[in-house]
Amino acid sequence: MTFTSRPWLASYAPGVPGTIAEITETLTDMMETSAERFAPAIALDFFGSSTTYAELGEQISRAANGLRKLGVSPGDRVALVLPNCPQHVVAFYAVLRLGAIVVEHNPLYTDRELRHQFEDHGARVAIVWDKVYEAVRMFPKDMGVVDIVTVDLTRAMPFSKRLALQLPIKKAQDARASLTAGPGKGAISWESIVGARKLHPSHQRPLLTDTAVLQYTSGTTGTPKGAILSHYNLRANAAQGSAWVAGLRPGDETVYGVLPMFHAYGLTLCLTFAMSIGARLVLFPKFDEKLVLDAAKHAPPTFLPAVPPIYDRLVTAAAKKKVSLAGVRFAISGAMNLPVSIVERWENATGGLLVEGYGMTEASPIVAGNPIGPSRRPGTVGVPFPSTDIRVVDPEDPTIERGFDEEGELLVAGPQVFSGYWDRPSESAEVLLPGGWLRTGDIVRVSADGFITIVDRLKELIITGGFNVSPSEVEETLLSHPDINDAAAVGLPSPTGGEDVVAVVVLRPDVDLDVTAVREYCRTRLSSYKVPRRIVEVDDLPRSLLGKVLRREVRNRLQGK
């Protein structure tokens, strides 16, 4: 079923359109428009040091010229290996101004993980946090990395804080060591790049259809690959986000950048959406409750995109420190299930709304969201964004449509859907169907009024005895047990064929694992084939930077890989 009538439009919050206006500006155009329109307003706030939109526009132009002198040309890949900081924002838009392609990387990746991605995209220039410079410098010469620009985060901090980091006391020394490793041998300083003259206005500009970003993702399979996101894709998703939040005040919002901007979620909500509306973007190199609450005293947030654990930790810390969170009007949660209990705590503390959204890197990344208003429906990921269409199909044969309230794989079409994976045509063809439909790999149910409920990831379903078992269902049952703090369920090969359901659990303090009792508990709540055959106790579970349990990593550990 294609849901061509778009029944979800009736649930949109007042003022939210069914479609967005035609996209006519690149991300470069968008940033330059904001730099002019909101010139005196603060664009970036980093530990209290501020940069206006006019200053940001000038720094981007200077950095673009500095990179041009390094030989960066249209279509070149430029690797960014940076945490959230003002230099990250400037570098991102400077690369795009030249018509080159940003390749975002997690600065906390292992050397092996970084090397795999660099081998894949072949960037000649890299702009990196100075703490990872040595790792990138040691890549083999035949990988093609020629110029490495290093960024010292402390250079963007207020003078008083930089001075405090020089104090000869352990606390200051530890803090400085966590932020910078100092200049590296043979490195090019960021200051030399941004110190260039402004780029000439006549310099060739990117087109809407040009690739803007390569964003690495495992997608619906386990091999990391670069999703090709164009200026059009990313600008459209920022516009969809702006349309979704009725009541935004351009030039008068404060967005907190607690999500990593090297992740698709943080990239869109912070690097593009926030800049498009002239928001004050308060940047944090990592999430830390104390830093966030300190910042809230001088620049209270009005819009906070985050993940459930962050909302939970912030509410707890704010209550403990007696810091008010009132004034956060909008909060959008993603990446994992949002418990109703967290919604209630957050909304009681802020007086604003907290809603859940859904997306994936291949969709720039936002596909759907709960309406920001009374029609929202906790427990679902909401309804499709403006200008977004969905279908639900048989995961084994996507030509077979499923109807309302029937489980099936979610397909998505819209201006935010990517064009494929970098240099991987066969894998691109597997996820992109005729008509521009993206296979999400997620099993969903869609209600008659268009609300989407995620059942599970297609590739993470456990097949045992011919039956499909949802890991989420098993995990939710385990988490309801009074002795269990955290849990993950995976499928492992069974000697008799198929898979066995295996659970990994983290117990509450001072509790011993009673496997028999836990299995009996599950048996009263689950069909027998869903009850874990094995239960393994661990100290903690592997999670992504956004807090999502990495089931694939759990499975690998159990198999000794």
Protein backbone atom coordinates (compact mmCIF):
# COMPACT_ATOMS: atom_id res chain seq x y z
CA MET A 1 0.00 0.00 0.00
CA THR A 2 1.46 3.40 -0.98
CA PHE A 3 -0.70 5.43 1.40
CA THR A 4 -1.19 7.90 -1.47
CA SER A 5 -3.88 9.80 0.41
CA ARG A 6 -1.31 10.76 3.08
CA PRO A 7 -3.73 10.24 5.98
CA TRP A 8 -1.12 11.55 8.41
CA LEU A 9 -1.58 15.14 7.20
CA ALA A 10 -4.65 15.44 9.44
CA SER A 11 -2.40 14.86 12.46
CA TYR A 12 0.14 17.56 11.61
CA ALA A 13 0.47 20.34 14.16
CA PRO A 14 -1.28 23.58 13.15
CA GLY A 15 0.79 25.54 10.65
CA VAL A 16 2.85 22.58 9.38
CA PRO A 17 2.56 22.23 5.58
CA GLY A 18 2.16 18.96 3.73
CA THR A 19 5.00 19.84 1.39
CA ILE A 20 8.03 22.09 1.58
CA ALA A 21 8.83 24.78 -0.97
CA GLU A 22 11.04 23.86 -3.90
CA ILE A 23 14.71 23.72 -2.86
CA THR A 24 16.68 26.26 -4.85
CA GLU A 25 19.71 27.04 -2.67
CA THR A 26 22.77 24.95 -1.86
CA LEU A 27 24.10 24.66 1.68
CA THR A 28 26.66 27.29 0.70
CA ASP A 29 23.89 29.66 -0.42
CA MET A 30 21.96 28.93 2.77
CA MET A 31 24.95 29.75 5.00
CA GLU A 32 25.71 32.97 3.15
CA THR A 33 22.09 34.05 3.38
CA SER A 34 22.14 33.48 7.16
CA ALA A 35 25.47 35.30 7.52
CA GLU A 36 23.91 38.35 5.86
CA ARG A 37 20.39 38.16 7.32
CA PHE A 38 21.47 37.51 10.91
CA ALA A 39 24.85 39.29 10.73
CA PRO A 40 25.01 40.74 14.28
CA ALA A 41 23.42 37.72 15.99
CA ILE A 42 25.54 35.11 17.75
CA ALA A 43 25.98 32.03 15.58
CA LEU A 44 28.37 29.94 17.71
CA ASP A 45 28.94 29.75 21.45
CA PHE A 46 31.84 27.66 22.77
CA PHE A 47 32.52 27.74 26.52
CA GLY A 48 31.20 31.31 26.49
CA SER A 49 33.27 32.52 23.54
CA SER A 50 30.94 33.74 20.80
CA THR A 51 31.09 34.17 17.03
CA THR A 52 28.52 36.28 15.18
CA TYR A 53 26.99 35.24 11.89
CA ALA A 54 28.95 37.98 10.11
CA GLU A 55 32.19 36.72 11.67
CA LEU A 56 31.32 33.12 10.83
CA GLY A 57 30.70 34.03 7.19
CA GLU A 58 34.07 35.76 6.98
CA GLN A 59 35.92 32.86 8.63
CA ILE A 60 34.31 30.42 6.19
CA SER A 61 35.43 32.53 3.23
CA ARG A 62 38.99 32.81 4.56
CA ALA A 63 39.21 29.09 5.35
CA ALA A 64 37.88 28.25 1.89
CA ASN A 65 40.67 30.29 0.33
CA GLY A 66 43.23 28.67 2.63
CA LEU A 67 42.05 25.24 1.52
CA ARG A 68 42.06 26.36 -2.11
CA LYS A 69 45.75 27.19 -1.72
CA LEU A 70 46.28 23.61 -0.55
CA GLY A 71 44.84 22.51 -3.86
CA VAL A 72 41.31 21.57 -2.80
CA SER A 73 39.11 21.56 -5.91
CA PRO A 74 35.50 20.71 -6.79
CA GLY A 75 34.76 17.03 -6.18
CA ASP A 76 37.77 16.47 -3.91
CA ARG A 77 37.08 14.68 -0.65
CA VAL A 78 38.24 16.48 2.50
CA ALA A 79 38.18 14.42 5.69
CA LEU A 80 37.02 16.06 8.93
CA VAL A 81 38.00 14.24 12.12
CA LEU A 82 36.72 16.68 14.71
CA PRO A 83 34.53 16.85 17.81
CA ASN A 84 31.97 19.65 18.12
CA CYS A 85 33.79 22.98 18.04
CA PRO A 86 33.62 26.26 16.09
CA GLN A 87 36.43 25.11 13.79
CA HIS A 88 34.27 22.15 12.76
CA VAL A 89 31.47 24.46 11.57
CA VAL A 90 33.87 26.71 9.67
CA ALA A 91 35.70 23.79 8.05
CA PHE A 92 32.44 22.13 7.00
CA TYR A 93 31.16 25.16 5.10
CA ALA A 94 34.60 26.13 3.77
CA VAL A 95 34.97 22.75 2.09
CA LEU A 96 31.47 23.02 0.63
CA ARG A 97 32.13 26.55 -0.70
CA LEU A 98 34.86 25.09 -2.93
CA GLY A 99 32.51 22.48 -4.35
CA ALA A 100 34.47 19.81 -2.51
CA ILE A 101 33.00 16.96 -0.46
CA VAL A 102 33.07 16.78 3.35
CA VAL A 103 33.76 13.32 4.77
CA GLU A 104 32.80 13.21 8.44
CA HIS A 105 34.64 10.92 10.88
CA ASN A 106 34.31 10.01 14.53
CA PRO A 107 37.48 11.34 16.25
CA LEU A 108 37.21 8.57 18.85
CA TYR A 109 37.46 5.79 16.26
CA THR A 110 40.34 3.38 16.49
CA ASP A 111 43.20 3.74 14.03
CA ARG A 112 41.91 0.68 12.16
CA GLU A 113 38.40 2.11 11.82
CA LEU A 114 39.69 5.45 10.55
CA ARG A 115 42.07 3.80 8.13
CA HIS A 116 39.30 1.70 6.59
CA GLN A 117 37.29 4.82 5.81
CA PHE A 118 40.26 6.79 4.49
CA GLU A 119 41.14 3.90 2.19
CA ASP A 120 37.58 3.97 0.88
CA HIS A 121 37.17 7.69 0.16
CA GLY A 122 40.76 8.60 -0.74
CA ALA A 123 40.85 12.12 0.71
CA ARG A 124 44.09 14.01 0.00
CA VAL A 125 43.45 16.67 2.66
CA ALA A 126 42.34 16.01 6.24
CA ILE A 127 41.35 18.50 8.95
CA VAL A 128 41.77 16.73 12.27
CA TRP A 129 41.68 17.26 16.01
CA ASP A 130 45.31 17.48 17.08
CA LYS A 131 44.79 14.52 19.42
CA VAL A 132 44.30 12.19 16.43
CA TYR A 133 46.98 13.76 14.22
CA GLU A 134 49.57 11.07 14.88
CA ALA A 135 47.14 8.30 13.93
CA VAL A 136 46.36 9.93 10.58
CA ARG A 137 50.00 10.89 9.97
CA MET A 138 51.02 7.25 10.25
CA PHE A 139 48.70 6.10 7.46
CA PRO A 140 50.69 4.58 4.56
CA LYS A 141 51.75 7.11 1.93
CA ASP A 142 49.99 5.18 -0.82
CA MET A 143 46.64 5.98 0.82
CA GLY A 144 46.95 9.48 -0.63
CA VAL A 145 46.72 11.74 2.43
CA VAL A 146 49.12 14.60 1.64
CA ASP A 147 48.13 17.55 3.81
CA ILE A 148 46.92 17.29 7.41
CA VAL A 149 45.54 20.39 9.10
CA THR A 150 45.38 20.19 12.89
CA VAL A 151 42.85 21.88 15.15
CA ASP A 152 43.55 22.85 18.77
CA LEU A 153 40.12 23.09 20.44
CA THR A 154 41.41 25.42 23.14
CA ARG A 155 42.12 28.15 20.58
CA ALA A 156 38.36 28.68 20.25
CA MET A 157 37.84 29.05 24.01
CA PRO A 158 37.68 32.39 25.91
CA PHE A 159 41.07 33.78 26.93
CA SER A 160 40.29 33.33 30.64
CA LYS A 161 39.59 29.63 30.20
CA ARG A 162 42.70 29.14 28.07
CA LEU A 163 44.73 30.83 30.76
CA ALA A 164 43.20 28.60 33.45
CA LEU A 165 44.25 25.51 31.46
CA GLN A 166 47.88 26.63 31.79
CA LEU A 167 47.84 26.54 35.59
CA PRO A 168 50.43 24.12 37.07
CA ILE A 169 47.83 22.03 38.89
CA LYS A 170 46.72 18.51 38.06
CA LYS A 171 43.08 19.40 37.40
CA ALA A 172 44.07 22.03 34.82
CA GLN A 173 46.67 19.75 33.26
CA ASP A 174 44.17 16.89 32.93
CA ALA A 175 41.57 19.19 31.40
CA ARG A 176 44.08 20.54 28.88
CA ALA A 177 45.26 17.04 27.99
CA SER A 178 41.67 16.00 27.26
CA LEU A 179 41.26 18.90 24.82
CA THR A 180 44.56 19.15 22.96
CA ALA A 181 47.77 17.29 22.24
CA GLY A 182 49.60 20.38 21.01
CA PRO A 183 51.25 20.97 17.61
CA GLY A 184 52.35 17.89 15.71
CA LYS A 185 55.47 17.46 13.62
CA GLY A 186 54.78 18.35 10.00
CA ALA A 187 51.20 19.45 10.65
CA ILE A 188 49.55 22.51 9.09
CA SER A 189 47.89 24.68 11.72
CA TRP A 190 44.23 25.56 11.37
CA GLU A 191 45.13 29.17 12.13
CA SER A 192 47.24 29.33 8.95
CA ILE A 193 44.26 28.14 6.92
CA VAL A 194 41.68 30.51 8.39
CA GLY A 195 44.23 33.34 8.28
CA ALA A 196 44.12 33.54 4.50
CA ARG A 197 42.45 36.35 2.60
CA LYS A 198 38.76 35.96 1.81
CA LEU A 199 37.87 33.82 -1.19
CA HIS A 200 37.06 35.83 -4.29
CA PRO A 201 33.26 35.97 -4.76
CA SER A 202 33.60 34.83 -8.38
CA HIS A 203 35.14 31.50 -7.41
CA GLN A 204 33.21 28.53 -8.81
CA ARG A 205 30.22 27.60 -6.67
CA PRO A 206 28.68 24.16 -6.02
CA LEU A 207 25.44 23.04 -7.65
CA LEU A 208 22.36 21.69 -5.87
CA THR A 209 22.98 18.25 -7.32
CA ASP A 210 26.63 18.12 -6.23
CA THR A 211 27.66 15.76 -3.47
CA ALA A 212 28.09 17.68 -0.22
CA VAL A 213 28.87 14.96 2.33
CA LEU A 214 29.96 11.36 2.52
CA GLN A 215 28.51 10.02 5.76
CA TYR A 216 29.71 6.57 6.77
CA THR A 217 27.13 4.11 7.99
CA SER A 218 26.64 0.38 8.31
CA GLY A 219 23.24 0.85 6.71
CA THR A 220 21.19 -2.32 6.60
CA THR A 221 24.33 -4.48 6.45
CA GLY A 222 27.41 -4.67 8.62
CA THR A 223 29.98 -3.09 6.28
CA PRO A 224 30.58 0.65 6.79
CA LYS A 225 30.11 2.58 3.56
CA GLY A 226 29.82 6.21 2.56
CA ALA A 227 26.29 7.47 1.98
CA ILE A 228 26.31 10.10 -0.76
CA LEU A 229 24.33 13.13 0.45
CA SER A 230 23.90 16.05 -1.95
CA HIS A 231 23.40 19.73 -1.19
CA TYR A 232 19.80 19.16 -2.26
CA ASN A 233 19.30 16.24 0.15
CA LEU A 234 20.70 18.04 3.18
CA ARG A 235 19.13 21.41 2.43
CA ALA A 236 15.77 19.72 1.94
CA ASN A 237 15.99 17.89 5.27
CA ALA A 238 16.87 21.13 7.08
CA ALA A 239 13.84 22.76 5.43
CA GLN A 240 11.63 19.82 6.43
CA GLY A 241 12.82 20.21 10.01
CA SER A 242 12.08 23.93 9.99
CA ALA A 243 8.60 23.31 8.61
CA TRP A 244 7.95 20.63 11.25
CA VAL A 245 8.54 22.93 14.20
CA ALA A 246 5.76 25.47 13.94
CA GLY A 247 6.46 28.49 16.11
CA LEU A 248 10.21 28.72 15.45
CA ARG A 249 11.60 32.22 15.86
CA PRO A 250 14.32 32.75 13.22
CA GLY A 251 17.26 34.61 14.72
CA ASP A 252 16.02 34.05 18.26
CA GLU A 253 16.46 30.34 19.00
CA THR A 254 19.26 28.72 21.00
CA VAL A 255 20.11 25.19 19.88
CA TYR A 256 22.37 23.01 22.02
CA GLY A 257 24.89 20.96 20.07
CA VAL A 258 25.23 17.98 22.41
CA LEU A 259 24.89 15.50 19.55
CA PRO A 260 28.14 14.82 17.66
CA MET A 261 28.12 16.71 14.37
CA PHE A 262 30.03 13.90 12.66
CA HIS A 263 26.84 11.84 13.06
CA ALA A 264 24.00 12.38 10.56
CA TYR A 265 21.55 13.36 13.31
CA GLY A 266 23.82 16.02 14.78
CA LEU A 267 24.94 17.16 11.34
CA THR A 268 21.42 18.03 10.21
CA LEU A 269 20.00 19.39 13.47
CA CYS A 270 23.09 21.44 14.35
CA LEU A 271 25.21 22.10 11.27
CA THR A 272 22.41 22.77 8.78
CA PHE A 273 19.02 23.24 10.48
CA ALA A 274 20.33 25.52 13.25
CA MET A 275 22.32 27.64 10.80
CA SER A 276 19.36 27.91 8.41
CA ILE A 277 17.20 29.59 11.06
CA GLY A 278 19.89 31.90 12.43
CA ALA A 279 20.02 30.08 15.76
CA ARG A 280 22.67 30.47 18.42
CA LEU A 281 24.42 27.10 18.35
CA VAL A 282 26.00 26.27 21.71
CA LEU A 283 28.68 23.66 21.08
CA PHE A 284 29.93 20.95 23.43
CA PRO A 285 32.92 18.76 22.46
CA LYS A 286 31.22 15.93 24.36
CA PHE A 287 28.08 15.56 26.42
CA ASP A 288 28.66 16.48 30.05
CA GLU A 289 25.80 17.40 32.37
CA LYS A 290 27.87 19.99 34.22
CA LEU A 291 28.97 21.76 31.04
CA VAL A 292 25.40 21.84 29.73
CA LEU A 293 23.96 23.19 32.97
CA ASP A 294 26.72 25.79 33.24
CA ALA A 295 25.98 26.95 29.70
CA ALA A 296 22.26 27.12 30.49
CA LYS A 297 22.98 29.88 33.01
CA HIS A 298 24.19 32.35 30.37
CA ALA A 299 22.54 31.00 27.20
CA PRO A 300 19.43 28.95 28.09
CA PRO A 301 18.47 26.47 25.37
CA THR A 302 15.17 26.77 23.53
CA PHE A 303 15.67 23.77 21.22
CA LEU A 304 17.45 20.58 22.29
CA PRO A 305 17.91 17.64 19.89
CA ALA A 306 19.26 14.65 21.80
CA VAL A 307 18.72 10.99 22.72
CA PRO A 308 16.73 9.55 25.65
CA PRO A 309 19.69 8.98 28.05
CA ILE A 310 20.72 12.63 27.68
CA TYR A 311 17.27 13.94 28.58
CA ASP A 312 17.13 11.59 31.55
CA ARG A 313 20.57 12.59 32.85
CA LEU A 314 19.94 16.30 32.36
CA VAL A 315 16.67 16.28 34.30
CA THR A 316 18.30 14.39 37.16
CA ALA A 317 21.35 16.68 37.26
CA ALA A 318 19.28 19.85 36.98
CA ALA A 319 17.08 18.82 39.90
CA LYS A 320 20.13 17.98 41.98
CA LYS A 321 21.88 21.27 41.23
CA LYS A 322 18.66 23.29 41.32
CA VAL A 323 19.17 24.59 37.77
CA SER A 324 16.02 25.48 35.84
CA LEU A 325 15.43 23.92 32.43
CA ALA A 326 12.34 26.03 31.83
CA GLY A 327 12.35 27.59 28.41
CA VAL A 328 13.31 24.55 26.35
CA ARG A 329 10.28 24.77 24.10
CA PHE A 330 11.23 22.05 21.65
CA ALA A 331 13.10 18.77 22.13
CA ILE A 332 13.38 16.08 19.48
CA SER A 333 14.64 12.63 20.42
CA GLY A 334 15.99 10.04 18.02
CA ALA A 335 18.20 6.98 17.53
CA MET A 336 16.34 4.76 20.01
CA ASN A 337 13.03 4.20 21.75
CA LEU A 338 11.85 7.11 23.91
CA PRO A 339 10.23 5.89 27.15
CA VAL A 340 7.06 7.69 28.21
CA SER A 341 8.53 8.12 31.71
CA ILE A 342 11.35 10.29 30.29
CA VAL A 343 8.86 12.37 28.29
CA GLU A 344 6.88 13.07 31.44
CA ARG A 345 9.93 14.00 33.51
CA TRP A 346 11.31 16.27 30.81
CA GLU A 347 8.06 18.07 30.10
CA ASN A 348 7.40 18.61 33.81
CA ALA A 349 10.86 20.13 34.19
CA THR A 350 10.84 22.33 31.09
CA GLY A 351 7.24 23.17 30.31
CA GLY A 352 8.09 22.35 26.69
CA LEU A 353 7.44 19.37 24.44
CA LEU A 354 9.60 16.28 23.88
CA VAL A 355 8.75 14.18 20.83
CA GLU A 356 10.33 11.19 19.14
CA GLY A 357 11.55 11.14 15.56
CA TYR A 358 12.89 8.54 13.16
CA GLY A 359 15.49 8.51 10.44
CA MET A 360 18.58 6.94 8.94
CA THR A 361 21.78 8.27 7.42
CA GLU A 362 20.59 7.41 3.91
CA ALA A 363 17.70 9.87 4.39
CA SER A 364 19.83 12.83 5.52
CA PRO A 365 18.63 11.52 8.12
CA ILE A 366 15.09 12.49 9.23
CA VAL A 367 12.09 10.65 7.78
CA ALA A 368 9.33 11.02 10.36
CA GLY A 369 8.50 12.63 13.65
CA ASN A 370 5.76 12.95 16.20
CA PRO A 371 3.75 16.14 15.71
CA ILE A 372 4.87 18.88 18.07
CA GLY A 373 1.44 19.33 19.55
CA PRO A 374 -1.50 17.48 21.09
CA SER A 375 -1.77 14.92 18.26
CA ARG A 376 1.59 13.34 19.14
CA ARG A 377 1.47 9.67 20.01
CA PRO A 378 4.09 8.34 22.47
CA GLY A 379 5.27 4.85 21.64
CA THR A 380 5.38 5.61 17.92
CA VAL A 381 7.99 7.49 15.88
CA GLY A 382 5.26 9.71 14.50
CA VAL A 383 4.25 10.38 10.92
CA PRO A 384 6.16 11.15 7.70
CA PHE A 385 7.73 14.58 7.36
CA PRO A 386 6.42 17.07 4.77
CA SER A 387 7.15 15.99 1.18
CA THR A 388 7.86 12.44 2.38
CA ASP A 389 6.02 9.33 1.21
CA ILE A 390 6.10 5.82 2.64
CA ARG A 391 5.17 2.29 1.69
CA VAL A 392 5.09 -0.94 3.72
CA VAL A 393 6.08 -4.07 1.83
CA ASP A 394 6.94 -7.72 2.22
CA PRO A 395 10.62 -7.72 3.23
CA GLU A 396 11.25 -10.82 1.08
CA ASP A 397 9.53 -9.31 -1.97
CA PRO A 398 9.18 -5.50 -1.93
CA THR A 399 6.74 -5.63 -4.86
CA ILE A 400 4.13 -7.03 -2.47
CA GLU A 401 2.38 -4.25 -0.57
CA ARG A 402 1.24 -4.51 3.03
CA GLY A 403 -1.73 -2.61 4.40
CA PHE A 404 -2.48 -0.55 7.47
CA ASP A 405 -1.58 -2.27 10.76
CA GLU A 406 0.25 -5.06 8.90
CA GLU A 407 3.93 -5.65 9.64
CA GLY A 408 6.35 -5.10 6.80
CA GLU A 409 9.49 -3.31 5.70
CA LEU A 410 9.28 0.46 5.52
CA LEU A 411 10.14 2.14 2.22
CA VAL A 412 10.68 5.90 2.03
CA ALA A 413 10.73 8.43 -0.79
CA GLY A 414 11.40 12.15 -0.59
CA PRO A 415 13.91 14.90 -1.37
CA GLN A 416 16.09 13.80 1.57
CA VAL A 417 16.74 10.28 0.19
CA PHE A 418 20.36 9.74 -0.87
CA SER A 419 21.61 8.70 -4.30
CA GLY A 420 23.64 5.68 -3.23
CA TYR A 421 26.84 4.54 -1.53
CA TRP A 422 30.26 5.82 -2.53
CA ASP A 423 31.81 3.52 -5.12
CA ARG A 424 29.41 0.65 -4.28
CA PRO A 425 26.89 0.33 -7.11
CA SER A 426 25.69 -3.16 -6.24
CA GLU A 427 24.98 -2.31 -2.61
CA SER A 428 23.29 0.92 -3.71
CA ALA A 429 21.01 -1.06 -6.01
CA GLU A 430 20.02 -3.31 -3.11
CA VAL A 431 18.56 -0.42 -1.09
CA LEU A 432 17.36 1.96 -3.81
CA LEU A 433 14.35 0.70 -5.73
CA PRO A 434 12.80 2.13 -8.92
CA GLY A 435 11.01 5.41 -8.30
CA GLY A 436 13.53 6.54 -5.68
CA TRP A 437 12.22 4.30 -2.89
CA LEU A 438 14.69 3.61 -0.09
CA ARG A 439 14.59 0.27 1.69
CA THR A 440 15.07 1.14 5.36
CA GLY A 441 15.57 -2.39 6.67
CA ASP A 442 13.11 -1.58 9.46
CA ILE A 443 10.02 -3.65 10.16
CA VAL A 444 7.09 -1.38 11.00
CA ARG A 445 3.34 -1.12 11.42
CA VAL A 446 1.51 1.93 10.13
CA SER A 447 -1.85 2.84 11.63
CA ALA A 448 -4.80 3.99 9.54
CA ASP A 449 -3.98 7.60 10.37
CA GLY A 450 -0.33 7.22 9.38
CA PHE A 451 1.55 6.79 12.68
CA ILE A 452 4.59 4.54 12.38
CA THR A 453 5.56 1.99 15.02
CA ILE A 454 8.98 0.36 14.71
CA VAL A 455 8.83 -3.38 15.27
CA ASP A 456 12.49 -4.18 14.66
CA ARG A 457 15.47 -4.00 12.39
CA LEU A 458 15.10 -6.45 9.52
CA LYS A 459 18.67 -7.67 9.78
CA GLU A 460 18.46 -8.14 13.55
CA LEU A 461 15.43 -10.39 13.62
CA ILE A 462 16.20 -13.75 15.20
CA ILE A 463 14.92 -16.74 13.23
CA THR A 464 14.42 -19.76 15.45
CA GLY A 465 12.45 -22.86 14.59
CA GLY A 466 11.03 -21.08 11.56
CA PHE A 467 9.66 -18.24 13.69
CA ASN A 468 10.84 -14.60 13.71
CA VAL A 469 11.75 -13.21 17.12
CA SER A 470 12.05 -9.49 17.75
CA PRO A 471 15.13 -8.72 19.89
CA SER A 472 13.36 -5.61 21.21
CA GLU A 473 10.48 -7.66 22.55
CA VAL A 474 12.83 -10.01 24.42
CA GLU A 475 14.85 -7.07 25.75
CA GLU A 476 11.79 -5.22 27.00
CA THR A 477 10.73 -8.33 28.92
CA LEU A 478 14.17 -8.74 30.46
CA LEU A 479 14.31 -5.06 31.42
CA SER A 480 11.04 -5.41 33.31
CA HIS A 481 12.70 -7.98 35.61
CA PRO A 482 13.55 -6.33 38.95
CA ASP A 483 17.11 -7.73 39.02
CA ILE A 484 18.14 -6.59 35.52
CA ASN A 485 19.60 -3.17 34.73
CA ASP A 486 20.33 -3.57 31.03
CA ALA A 487 19.86 -6.26 28.39
CA ALA A 488 20.45 -7.22 24.77
CA ALA A 489 19.09 -10.15 22.79
CA VAL A 490 20.75 -11.64 19.71
CA GLY A 491 20.57 -14.78 17.61
CA LEU A 492 23.46 -17.25 17.56
CA PRO A 493 23.76 -20.26 15.25
CA SER A 494 22.04 -23.34 16.65
CA PRO A 495 23.58 -26.82 16.29
CA THR A 496 20.26 -27.96 14.85
CA GLY A 497 20.05 -25.14 12.31
CA GLY A 498 18.57 -21.66 12.52
CA GLU A 499 19.37 -19.61 15.59
CA ASP A 500 19.04 -19.71 19.34
CA VAL A 501 17.84 -16.67 21.27
CA VAL A 502 20.69 -15.59 23.55
CA ALA A 503 20.41 -12.80 26.11
CA VAL A 504 23.18 -10.72 27.65
CA VAL A 505 22.25 -8.95 30.88
CA VAL A 506 23.68 -6.39 33.28
CA LEU A 507 22.43 -7.02 36.81
CA ARG A 508 21.59 -4.45 39.44
CA PRO A 509 24.16 -4.04 42.23
CA ASP A 510 24.44 -6.83 44.82
CA VAL A 511 22.35 -9.28 42.79
CA ASP A 512 23.39 -12.75 41.64
CA LEU A 513 22.21 -14.18 38.35
CA ASP A 514 19.60 -16.91 38.67
CA VAL A 515 19.27 -18.16 35.11
CA THR A 516 16.40 -20.53 35.87
CA ALA A 517 14.37 -17.82 37.58
CA VAL A 518 14.94 -15.31 34.76
CA ARG A 519 13.93 -17.84 32.11
CA GLU A 520 10.79 -18.72 34.07
CA TYR A 521 10.01 -15.01 34.34
CA CYS A 522 10.34 -14.66 30.56
CA ARG A 523 8.26 -17.77 29.98
CA THR A 524 5.28 -16.12 31.70
CA ARG A 525 5.52 -13.17 29.31
CA LEU A 526 6.81 -14.60 26.03
CA SER A 527 6.01 -17.52 23.76
CA SER A 528 8.33 -20.43 24.46
CA TYR A 529 10.36 -19.97 21.26
CA LYS A 530 11.15 -16.38 22.31
CA VAL A 531 12.54 -17.33 25.72
CA PRO A 532 16.37 -17.07 25.73
CA ARG A 533 18.09 -20.43 25.53
CA ARG A 534 21.18 -18.91 27.16
CA ILE A 535 21.57 -15.94 29.49
CA VAL A 536 25.02 -14.42 29.96
CA GLU A 537 25.96 -11.90 32.63
CA VAL A 538 28.28 -8.99 31.70
CA ASP A 539 29.44 -5.80 33.38
CA ASP A 540 28.21 -3.52 30.58
CA LEU A 541 26.91 -3.49 27.02
CA PRO A 542 28.65 -1.95 24.00
CA ARG A 543 26.87 1.20 22.87
CA SER A 544 27.28 3.76 20.13
CA LEU A 545 28.08 7.39 20.95
CA LEU A 546 24.35 8.03 20.85
CA GLY A 547 23.74 5.34 23.45
CA LYS A 548 22.26 2.67 21.20
CA VAL A 549 23.12 -0.94 22.12
CA LEU A 550 25.34 -2.42 19.40
CA ARG A 551 23.74 -5.83 18.97
CA ARG A 552 26.22 -6.78 16.28
CA GLU A 553 29.07 -6.17 18.71
CA VAL A 554 27.25 -8.18 21.40
CA ARG A 555 26.94 -11.07 18.94
CA ASN A 556 30.61 -10.84 17.96
CA ARG A 557 31.73 -10.93 21.59
CA LEU A 558 29.62 -13.98 22.31
CA GLN A 559 31.18 -15.71 19.32
CA GLY A 560 34.68 -14.74 20.38
CA LYS A 561 35.32 -12.54 17.37
